């Protein structure tokens, strides 16, 4: 007997409002105020548990995002730094022209590979010198360059011998960047073996072996949100170097697939890099400032996240790395989005915002939260279809083999 048979039948959420004095009313009311364009979630005990998991993760991420408890002096320095960054970006014209903020990377001179194994999967650990340096005079430049481990870029690679195959670049989410998480979450071995793809799992700055704190991702959201800008700017710099290198090596096609923060990164990359076979944005949190603001509105985190700068100014400052600030260069038919209707991190309005910005491409919704997509058959089928539709050279390779 399946557990689901013992649970109450799933029902769509009613259009009502819960009194705010009831514990948890804020969460419920958020879900009752459903955006147009997204299917309404069907609620039962299992659904409520998934919502609870995401809510707990939200609080945990908010607490863990701080390398230290912010004192009033620390908050004042964060606000001053962000004000300086905003003034700098405005003076350069990058708030109005975010494309000009992103540097064109040089060719990679040296790439190293080392054979490794994780959870039964054999892969190559690829490394190269990042080469990314923030702009002269840019806020946080000295601090960022002081992150020595972050100067080396890392990737987990699964590639076939013989003639070049199409490549799929996977970009992990916040707090990931470790092979035992990245490889299974993206079904890397399955897509490598069954689809015949070469797979490259890119590790975001400050994650995995690039971390600067006790855990992967420490420092991305602290101090303030200047580090977030450098994280995405460096990711763009390195990913474009990787793509150029793959093309020089003879890659016939290159696609990109990202989840959560990686979905954000995928969307941003699609506005800078042309000629991609596809851009698949999974559970994309495309408005990170809005997500952080929701965290700040929680009583538990309010005193920690009240950093003394208006949220509108923070959003303007981060415009230089906003996926919605750039016109996508990936063909419309090669843009794909999947999202969870119960997702409390990348809430439905986030993938909907990207869907609208991308011209309403193919999108699929699943009845799950932020972390259940690897086990959703609809998501696996959607990704398989996206790959089959996008990689025209892959079909030729499969016929040849």
Protein backbone atom coordinates (compact mmCIF):
# COMPACT_ATOMS: atom_id res chain seq x y z
CA UNK A 1 0.00 0.00 0.00
CA UNK A 2 1.36 3.43 -0.97
CA UNK A 3 1.65 6.16 1.66
CA UNK A 4 -0.25 8.52 -0.63
CA UNK A 5 -3.34 6.28 -0.35
CA UNK A 6 -3.45 6.95 3.39
CA UNK A 7 -3.35 10.74 2.98
CA UNK A 8 -6.37 12.98 2.42
CA UNK A 9 -7.17 13.68 -1.22
CA UNK A 10 -5.31 16.67 -2.62
CA UNK A 11 -7.42 19.79 -3.03
CA UNK A 12 -6.69 23.13 -4.66
CA UNK A 13 -6.15 26.02 -2.27
CA UNK A 14 -9.28 28.08 -1.65
CA UNK A 15 -9.36 31.81 -2.36
CA UNK A 16 -9.67 33.03 1.23
CA UNK A 17 -7.57 34.97 3.72
CA UNK A 18 -6.34 33.63 7.08
CA UNK A 19 -6.39 36.02 10.08
CA UNK A 20 -2.87 37.24 10.80
CA UNK A 21 -3.07 36.35 14.52
CA UNK A 22 -3.07 32.64 13.66
CA UNK A 23 0.45 31.09 13.76
CA UNK A 24 1.75 30.50 10.26
CA UNK A 25 -0.89 32.76 8.71
CA UNK A 26 1.75 34.71 6.77
CA UNK A 27 2.94 31.61 4.95
CA UNK A 28 -0.58 30.43 4.18
CA UNK A 29 -1.75 33.85 2.97
CA UNK A 30 1.30 34.09 0.73
CA UNK A 31 0.20 30.90 -0.94
CA UNK A 32 -3.43 31.92 -1.14
CA UNK A 33 -2.51 35.09 -3.04
CA UNK A 34 -1.58 33.13 -6.14
CA UNK A 35 -0.08 34.83 -9.23
CA UNK A 36 -1.89 34.57 -12.55
CA UNK A 37 -0.22 32.18 -14.95
CA UNK A 38 0.83 29.56 -12.39
CA UNK A 39 -1.31 26.53 -11.51
CA UNK A 40 -2.71 26.61 -8.00
CA UNK A 41 -1.16 24.00 -5.71
CA UNK A 42 -3.13 20.98 -4.56
CA UNK A 43 -2.79 20.65 -0.81
CA UNK A 44 -2.74 17.57 1.39
CA UNK A 45 -0.54 16.46 4.28
CA UNK A 46 2.31 15.64 1.92
CA UNK A 47 2.11 19.10 0.33
CA UNK A 48 2.10 20.81 3.71
CA UNK A 49 5.20 18.88 4.71
CA UNK A 50 6.97 20.01 1.54
CA UNK A 51 6.03 23.61 2.24
CA UNK A 52 7.33 23.19 5.80
CA UNK A 53 10.65 21.83 4.52
CA UNK A 54 11.14 24.84 2.25
CA UNK A 55 10.21 27.25 5.05
CA UNK A 56 12.76 25.62 7.34
CA UNK A 57 15.38 25.80 4.60
CA UNK A 58 14.62 29.51 4.14
CA UNK A 59 15.30 30.23 7.79
CA UNK A 60 18.41 28.04 7.78
CA UNK A 61 19.83 29.72 4.69
CA UNK A 62 19.16 33.14 6.14
CA UNK A 63 21.01 32.31 9.33
CA UNK A 64 23.86 30.49 7.60
CA UNK A 65 24.40 33.28 5.07
CA UNK A 66 26.15 35.35 7.75
CA UNK A 67 29.81 34.75 8.49
CA UNK A 68 29.31 36.76 11.67
CA UNK A 69 26.51 38.33 13.70
CA UNK A 70 26.12 41.85 12.29
CA UNK A 71 26.71 44.60 14.84
CA UNK A 72 25.41 48.13 14.20
CA UNK A 73 28.89 49.08 13.00
CA UNK A 74 28.99 46.13 10.61
CA UNK A 75 25.58 47.03 9.19
CA UNK A 76 26.69 50.64 8.72
CA UNK A 77 29.79 49.50 6.80
CA UNK A 78 27.65 47.22 4.62
CA UNK A 79 25.28 50.08 3.79
CA UNK A 80 28.19 52.43 3.03
CA UNK A 81 29.80 49.83 0.77
CA UNK A 82 26.60 49.26 -1.17
CA UNK A 83 26.02 53.00 -1.54
CA UNK A 84 29.55 53.32 -2.95
CA UNK A 85 28.89 50.44 -5.34
CA UNK A 86 25.64 52.00 -6.55
CA UNK A 87 27.36 55.36 -7.12
CA UNK A 88 30.22 53.62 -9.01
CA UNK A 89 27.88 51.68 -11.31
CA UNK A 90 25.84 54.79 -12.02
CA UNK A 91 28.95 56.81 -12.82
CA UNK A 92 30.01 54.17 -15.36
CA UNK A 93 26.55 54.01 -16.93
CA UNK A 94 26.20 50.32 -16.07
CA UNK A 95 22.89 50.65 -14.22
CA UNK A 96 21.30 51.66 -17.55
CA UNK A 97 23.60 49.41 -19.61
CA UNK A 98 24.35 46.28 -17.56
CA UNK A 99 25.93 44.56 -20.56
CA UNK A 100 28.82 47.03 -20.37
CA UNK A 101 29.60 45.91 -16.81
CA UNK A 102 30.56 42.38 -17.83
CA UNK A 103 34.14 41.92 -18.99
CA UNK A 104 35.05 39.97 -22.11
CA UNK A 105 37.35 37.18 -20.90
CA UNK A 106 40.60 36.18 -22.61
CA UNK A 107 41.23 32.67 -23.90
CA UNK A 108 42.13 30.01 -21.34
CA UNK A 109 45.84 29.21 -21.55
CA UNK A 110 46.04 26.10 -19.39
CA UNK A 111 43.44 23.53 -18.34
CA UNK A 112 44.27 20.66 -15.98
CA UNK A 113 42.42 17.37 -15.44
CA UNK A 114 42.61 14.81 -12.65
CA UNK A 115 40.63 11.56 -12.51
CA UNK A 116 38.42 11.23 -9.44
CA UNK A 117 35.39 9.28 -8.22
CA UNK A 118 32.30 10.22 -6.20
CA UNK A 119 29.34 8.03 -5.22
CA UNK A 120 30.35 5.47 -7.82
CA UNK A 121 30.69 7.99 -10.65
CA UNK A 122 34.07 8.36 -12.34
CA UNK A 123 34.75 11.89 -13.55
CA UNK A 124 37.55 14.31 -14.36
CA UNK A 125 38.25 17.17 -11.99
CA UNK A 126 38.96 20.12 -14.27
CA UNK A 127 40.76 23.23 -12.96
CA UNK A 128 42.05 26.46 -14.46
CA UNK A 129 43.08 29.88 -13.25
CA UNK A 130 40.00 32.09 -13.16
CA UNK A 131 41.65 35.29 -14.30
CA UNK A 132 38.70 37.35 -13.06
CA UNK A 133 39.57 40.70 -11.47
CA UNK A 134 36.85 43.20 -10.46
CA UNK A 135 36.99 46.58 -12.16
CA UNK A 136 39.61 49.04 -10.96
CA UNK A 137 37.94 51.18 -8.31
CA UNK A 138 35.01 48.80 -7.88
CA UNK A 139 33.69 48.38 -4.35
CA UNK A 140 34.85 45.21 -2.60
CA UNK A 141 37.66 44.60 -5.10
CA UNK A 142 40.45 44.12 -2.55
CA UNK A 143 38.37 41.83 -0.36
CA UNK A 144 37.34 39.71 -3.33
CA UNK A 145 40.91 39.31 -4.54
CA UNK A 146 41.83 38.20 -1.02
CA UNK A 147 39.77 35.03 -1.42
CA UNK A 148 42.72 32.94 -2.58
CA UNK A 149 40.87 29.63 -2.99
CA UNK A 150 38.44 31.39 -5.31
CA UNK A 151 41.18 32.22 -7.83
CA UNK A 152 41.03 28.65 -9.19
CA UNK A 153 37.96 27.53 -11.13
CA UNK A 154 36.71 23.95 -10.74
CA UNK A 155 34.46 21.70 -12.83
CA UNK A 156 33.39 18.04 -12.70
CA UNK A 157 33.61 16.61 -16.23
CA UNK A 158 32.23 13.47 -17.87
CA UNK A 159 33.34 13.24 -21.50
CA UNK A 160 33.40 10.58 -24.19
CA UNK A 161 36.54 9.50 -26.02
CA UNK A 162 36.78 9.89 -29.77
CA UNK A 163 35.21 12.68 -31.84
CA UNK A 164 33.79 15.67 -30.02
CA UNK A 165 30.21 15.37 -28.73
CA UNK A 166 27.71 18.07 -27.79
CA UNK A 167 28.29 19.49 -24.29
CA UNK A 168 25.85 20.30 -21.52
CA UNK A 169 27.10 22.73 -18.86
CA UNK A 170 25.29 22.28 -15.53
CA UNK A 171 25.28 25.04 -12.91
CA UNK A 172 24.43 24.05 -9.33
CA UNK A 173 22.45 25.89 -6.68
CA UNK A 174 23.38 27.83 -3.57
CA UNK A 175 25.34 25.79 -0.99
CA UNK A 176 26.12 23.03 -3.52
CA UNK A 177 29.28 22.79 -5.68
CA UNK A 178 30.29 19.34 -4.42
CA UNK A 179 30.44 16.29 -6.72
CA UNK A 180 28.35 14.03 -4.46
CA UNK A 181 25.53 16.60 -4.72
CA UNK A 182 26.00 18.02 -8.20
CA UNK A 183 26.36 14.81 -10.20
CA UNK A 184 23.18 13.04 -8.98
CA UNK A 185 21.04 16.20 -8.83
CA UNK A 186 21.63 16.75 -12.56
CA UNK A 187 21.50 13.05 -13.52
CA UNK A 188 24.95 13.64 -14.99
CA UNK A 189 25.94 10.02 -15.48
CA UNK A 190 22.58 9.08 -17.00
CA UNK A 191 22.64 11.93 -19.52
CA UNK A 192 26.29 11.21 -20.30
CA UNK A 193 25.71 7.51 -20.97
CA UNK A 194 22.16 7.38 -22.36
CA UNK A 195 22.09 10.66 -24.30
CA UNK A 196 25.74 10.56 -25.32
CA UNK A 197 26.42 14.07 -24.01
CA UNK A 198 29.65 15.39 -22.61
CA UNK A 199 28.83 16.89 -19.21
CA UNK A 200 30.58 19.77 -17.46
CA UNK A 201 29.47 20.59 -13.91
CA UNK A 202 30.64 24.15 -13.23
CA UNK A 203 31.38 25.16 -9.62
CA UNK A 204 30.21 28.68 -8.77
CA UNK A 205 32.56 31.14 -7.02
CA UNK A 206 32.82 30.70 -3.21
CA UNK A 207 31.39 27.17 -3.47
CA UNK A 208 32.84 23.70 -3.04
CA UNK A 209 36.66 23.75 -3.18
CA UNK A 210 36.45 27.53 -3.66
CA UNK A 211 34.75 28.17 -0.32
CA UNK A 212 36.01 30.84 2.09
CA UNK A 213 34.14 29.70 5.20
CA UNK A 214 33.19 26.47 6.94
CA UNK A 215 30.51 25.60 4.37
CA UNK A 216 30.04 25.91 0.63
CA UNK A 217 28.57 29.26 -0.38
CA UNK A 218 29.65 31.21 2.70
CA UNK A 219 30.14 34.87 1.82
CA UNK A 220 27.90 35.01 -1.25
CA UNK A 221 25.26 37.05 0.61
CA UNK A 222 27.59 38.80 3.03
CA UNK A 223 28.69 41.49 3.60
CA UNK A 224 25.67 43.20 2.15
CA UNK A 225 25.06 42.17 -1.46
CA UNK A 226 28.29 43.35 -3.07
CA UNK A 227 29.75 39.84 -2.90
CA UNK A 228 26.70 38.56 -4.76
CA UNK A 229 27.53 40.91 -7.63
CA UNK A 230 31.13 39.67 -7.77
CA UNK A 231 29.93 36.06 -7.57
CA UNK A 232 27.78 36.42 -10.67
CA UNK A 233 30.27 38.63 -12.52
CA UNK A 234 33.02 36.07 -12.00
CA UNK A 235 30.69 33.23 -13.01
CA UNK A 236 29.91 35.03 -16.28
CA UNK A 237 33.62 35.60 -16.89
CA UNK A 238 34.53 31.95 -16.29
CA UNK A 239 31.57 30.37 -18.07
CA UNK A 240 32.25 32.42 -21.19
CA UNK A 241 35.90 31.33 -21.05
CA UNK A 242 34.78 27.70 -20.76
CA UNK A 243 32.37 28.03 -23.69
CA UNK A 244 35.05 29.64 -25.87
CA UNK A 245 37.49 26.88 -24.92
CA UNK A 246 34.98 24.14 -25.72
CA UNK A 247 34.31 25.69 -29.11
CA UNK A 248 38.03 25.85 -29.89
CA UNK A 249 38.23 22.18 -28.91
CA UNK A 250 35.60 21.40 -31.53
CA UNK A 251 32.38 21.14 -29.52
CA UNK A 252 29.58 21.05 -32.11
CA UNK A 253 26.93 22.34 -29.67
CA UNK A 254 26.86 23.67 -26.10
CA UNK A 255 23.80 23.95 -23.87
CA UNK A 256 23.37 25.22 -20.31
CA UNK A 257 21.16 23.97 -17.46
CA UNK A 258 21.06 25.54 -14.02
CA UNK A 259 19.02 25.05 -10.84
CA UNK A 260 18.03 27.67 -8.26
CA UNK A 261 20.98 30.11 -8.06
CA UNK A 262 22.31 28.20 -11.05
CA UNK A 263 19.00 28.90 -12.82
CA UNK A 264 19.59 32.59 -12.13
CA UNK A 265 23.11 32.24 -13.53
CA UNK A 266 21.82 30.39 -16.60
CA UNK A 267 19.31 33.16 -17.29
CA UNK A 268 22.01 35.83 -16.92
CA UNK A 269 24.41 33.92 -19.18
CA UNK A 270 21.72 33.63 -21.86
CA UNK A 271 21.72 37.42 -22.09
CA UNK A 272 25.48 37.58 -22.72
CA UNK A 273 26.36 34.47 -24.71
CA UNK A 274 24.94 33.77 -28.16
CA UNK A 275 24.87 30.51 -30.06
CA UNK A 276 23.90 28.25 -27.16
CA UNK A 277 21.99 25.09 -28.05
CA UNK A 278 19.63 25.66 -25.12
CA UNK A 279 19.16 27.43 -21.81
CA UNK A 280 17.25 25.40 -19.22
CA UNK A 281 16.39 27.33 -16.05
CA UNK A 282 15.31 25.03 -13.23
CA UNK A 283 13.48 26.45 -10.17
CA UNK A 284 15.05 29.81 -11.08
CA UNK A 285 15.31 32.43 -8.34
CA UNK A 286 15.63 35.34 -10.76
CA UNK A 287 14.98 38.07 -8.20
CA UNK A 288 17.45 37.38 -5.40
CA UNK A 289 16.90 40.76 -3.76
CA UNK A 290 13.16 40.10 -3.50
CA UNK A 291 13.93 36.71 -1.96
CA UNK A 292 16.34 38.30 0.52
CA UNK A 293 13.76 40.94 1.35
CA UNK A 294 11.24 38.24 2.20
CA UNK A 295 13.81 36.77 4.56
CA UNK A 296 14.35 40.17 6.15
CA UNK A 297 10.65 40.54 6.83
CA UNK A 298 10.68 37.51 9.13
CA UNK A 299 10.92 38.42 12.80
CA UNK A 300 13.72 35.90 13.36
CA UNK A 301 15.94 37.49 10.73
CA UNK A 302 14.79 41.10 10.71
CA UNK A 303 17.37 42.38 13.16
CA UNK A 304 20.12 40.49 11.34
CA UNK A 305 19.20 41.60 7.82
CA UNK A 306 18.23 45.20 8.54
CA UNK A 307 21.37 46.58 6.91
CA UNK A 308 20.30 50.20 6.66
CA UNK A 309 19.95 50.69 2.89
CA UNK A 310 16.61 51.03 1.07
CA UNK A 311 15.66 47.84 -0.77
CA UNK A 312 14.93 49.82 -3.95
CA UNK A 313 18.54 51.04 -3.94
CA UNK A 314 19.81 47.50 -3.38
CA UNK A 315 17.76 46.30 -6.33
CA UNK A 316 19.11 49.14 -8.47
CA UNK A 317 22.68 48.28 -7.41
CA UNK A 318 22.24 44.62 -8.39
CA UNK A 319 20.75 45.59 -11.76
CA UNK A 320 24.18 44.97 -13.30
CA UNK A 321 23.70 41.21 -12.71
CA UNK A 322 19.94 40.99 -13.23
CA UNK A 323 18.87 38.36 -15.81
CA UNK A 324 15.85 40.51 -16.60
CA UNK A 325 18.06 43.48 -17.51
CA UNK A 326 19.43 41.77 -20.62
CA UNK A 327 17.66 40.69 -23.78
CA UNK A 328 18.19 36.93 -24.18
CA UNK A 329 20.54 35.87 -26.97
CA UNK A 330 19.37 32.26 -26.96
CA UNK A 331 16.74 31.45 -29.60
CA UNK A 332 13.18 31.48 -28.24
CA UNK A 333 12.55 27.82 -29.09
CA UNK A 334 15.68 26.89 -27.12
CA UNK A 335 14.59 28.46 -23.82
CA UNK A 336 13.08 26.19 -21.16
CA UNK A 337 11.85 26.66 -17.57
CA UNK A 338 10.60 24.25 -14.92
CA UNK A 339 9.27 25.22 -11.51
CA UNK A 340 7.54 23.85 -8.41
CA UNK A 341 4.14 25.20 -7.40
CA UNK A 342 4.98 24.55 -3.72
CA UNK A 343 8.42 26.19 -3.97
CA UNK A 344 8.96 28.68 -1.14
CA UNK A 345 12.47 29.76 -2.23
CA UNK A 346 11.92 30.40 -5.94
CA UNK A 347 8.24 31.20 -5.57
CA UNK A 348 6.00 31.02 -8.65
CA UNK A 349 6.36 34.75 -9.34
CA UNK A 350 10.10 34.23 -9.97
CA UNK A 351 9.84 31.67 -12.80
CA UNK A 352 6.84 33.61 -14.12
CA UNK A 353 8.93 36.78 -14.28
CA UNK A 354 11.59 34.93 -16.27
CA UNK A 355 8.94 33.27 -18.44
CA UNK A 356 7.54 36.72 -19.36
CA UNK A 357 11.03 38.17 -19.95
CA UNK A 358 11.94 35.22 -22.15
CA UNK A 359 8.84 35.69 -24.29
CA UNK A 360 6.75 32.89 -22.73
CA UNK A 361 8.78 29.85 -23.84
CA UNK A 362 8.10 26.26 -22.83
CA UNK A 363 7.52 25.88 -19.10
CA UNK A 364 6.41 22.96 -16.93
CA UNK A 365 5.13 23.03 -13.36
CA UNK A 366 5.34 20.17 -10.87
CA UNK A 367 3.50 19.69 -7.56
CA UNK A 368 6.61 19.86 -5.41
CA UNK A 369 8.91 22.19 -3.48
CA UNK A 370 12.35 23.65 -4.20
CA UNK A 371 14.33 20.44 -3.75
CA UNK A 372 12.06 17.65 -5.05
CA UNK A 373 12.63 18.22 -8.77
CA UNK A 374 15.31 15.47 -9.13
CA UNK A 375 12.61 12.90 -8.30
CA UNK A 376 9.86 14.42 -10.45
CA UNK A 377 9.17 12.35 -13.57
CA UNK A 378 7.62 15.36 -15.30
CA UNK A 379 10.84 17.32 -14.81
CA UNK A 380 13.05 14.47 -16.08
CA UNK A 381 10.85 14.10 -19.15
CA UNK A 382 10.88 17.87 -19.73
CA UNK A 383 14.69 18.00 -19.59
CA UNK A 384 14.99 14.97 -21.88
CA UNK A 385 12.66 16.61 -24.41
CA UNK A 386 14.60 19.89 -24.20
CA UNK A 387 17.84 18.06 -24.92
CA UNK A 388 16.35 16.07 -27.80
CA UNK A 389 14.85 19.20 -29.34
CA UNK A 390 17.92 21.39 -28.91
CA UNK A 391 20.93 19.22 -29.65
CA UNK A 392 20.64 18.50 -33.37
CA UNK A 393 24.21 17.16 -33.51
CA UNK A 394 23.44 14.70 -30.70
CA UNK A 395 21.07 12.76 -32.94
CA UNK A 396 23.78 12.46 -35.59
CA UNK A 397 26.24 11.21 -32.98
CA UNK A 398 23.79 8.60 -31.71
CA UNK A 399 23.14 7.35 -35.23
CA UNK A 400 26.87 7.12 -35.89
CA UNK A 401 27.49 5.10 -32.73
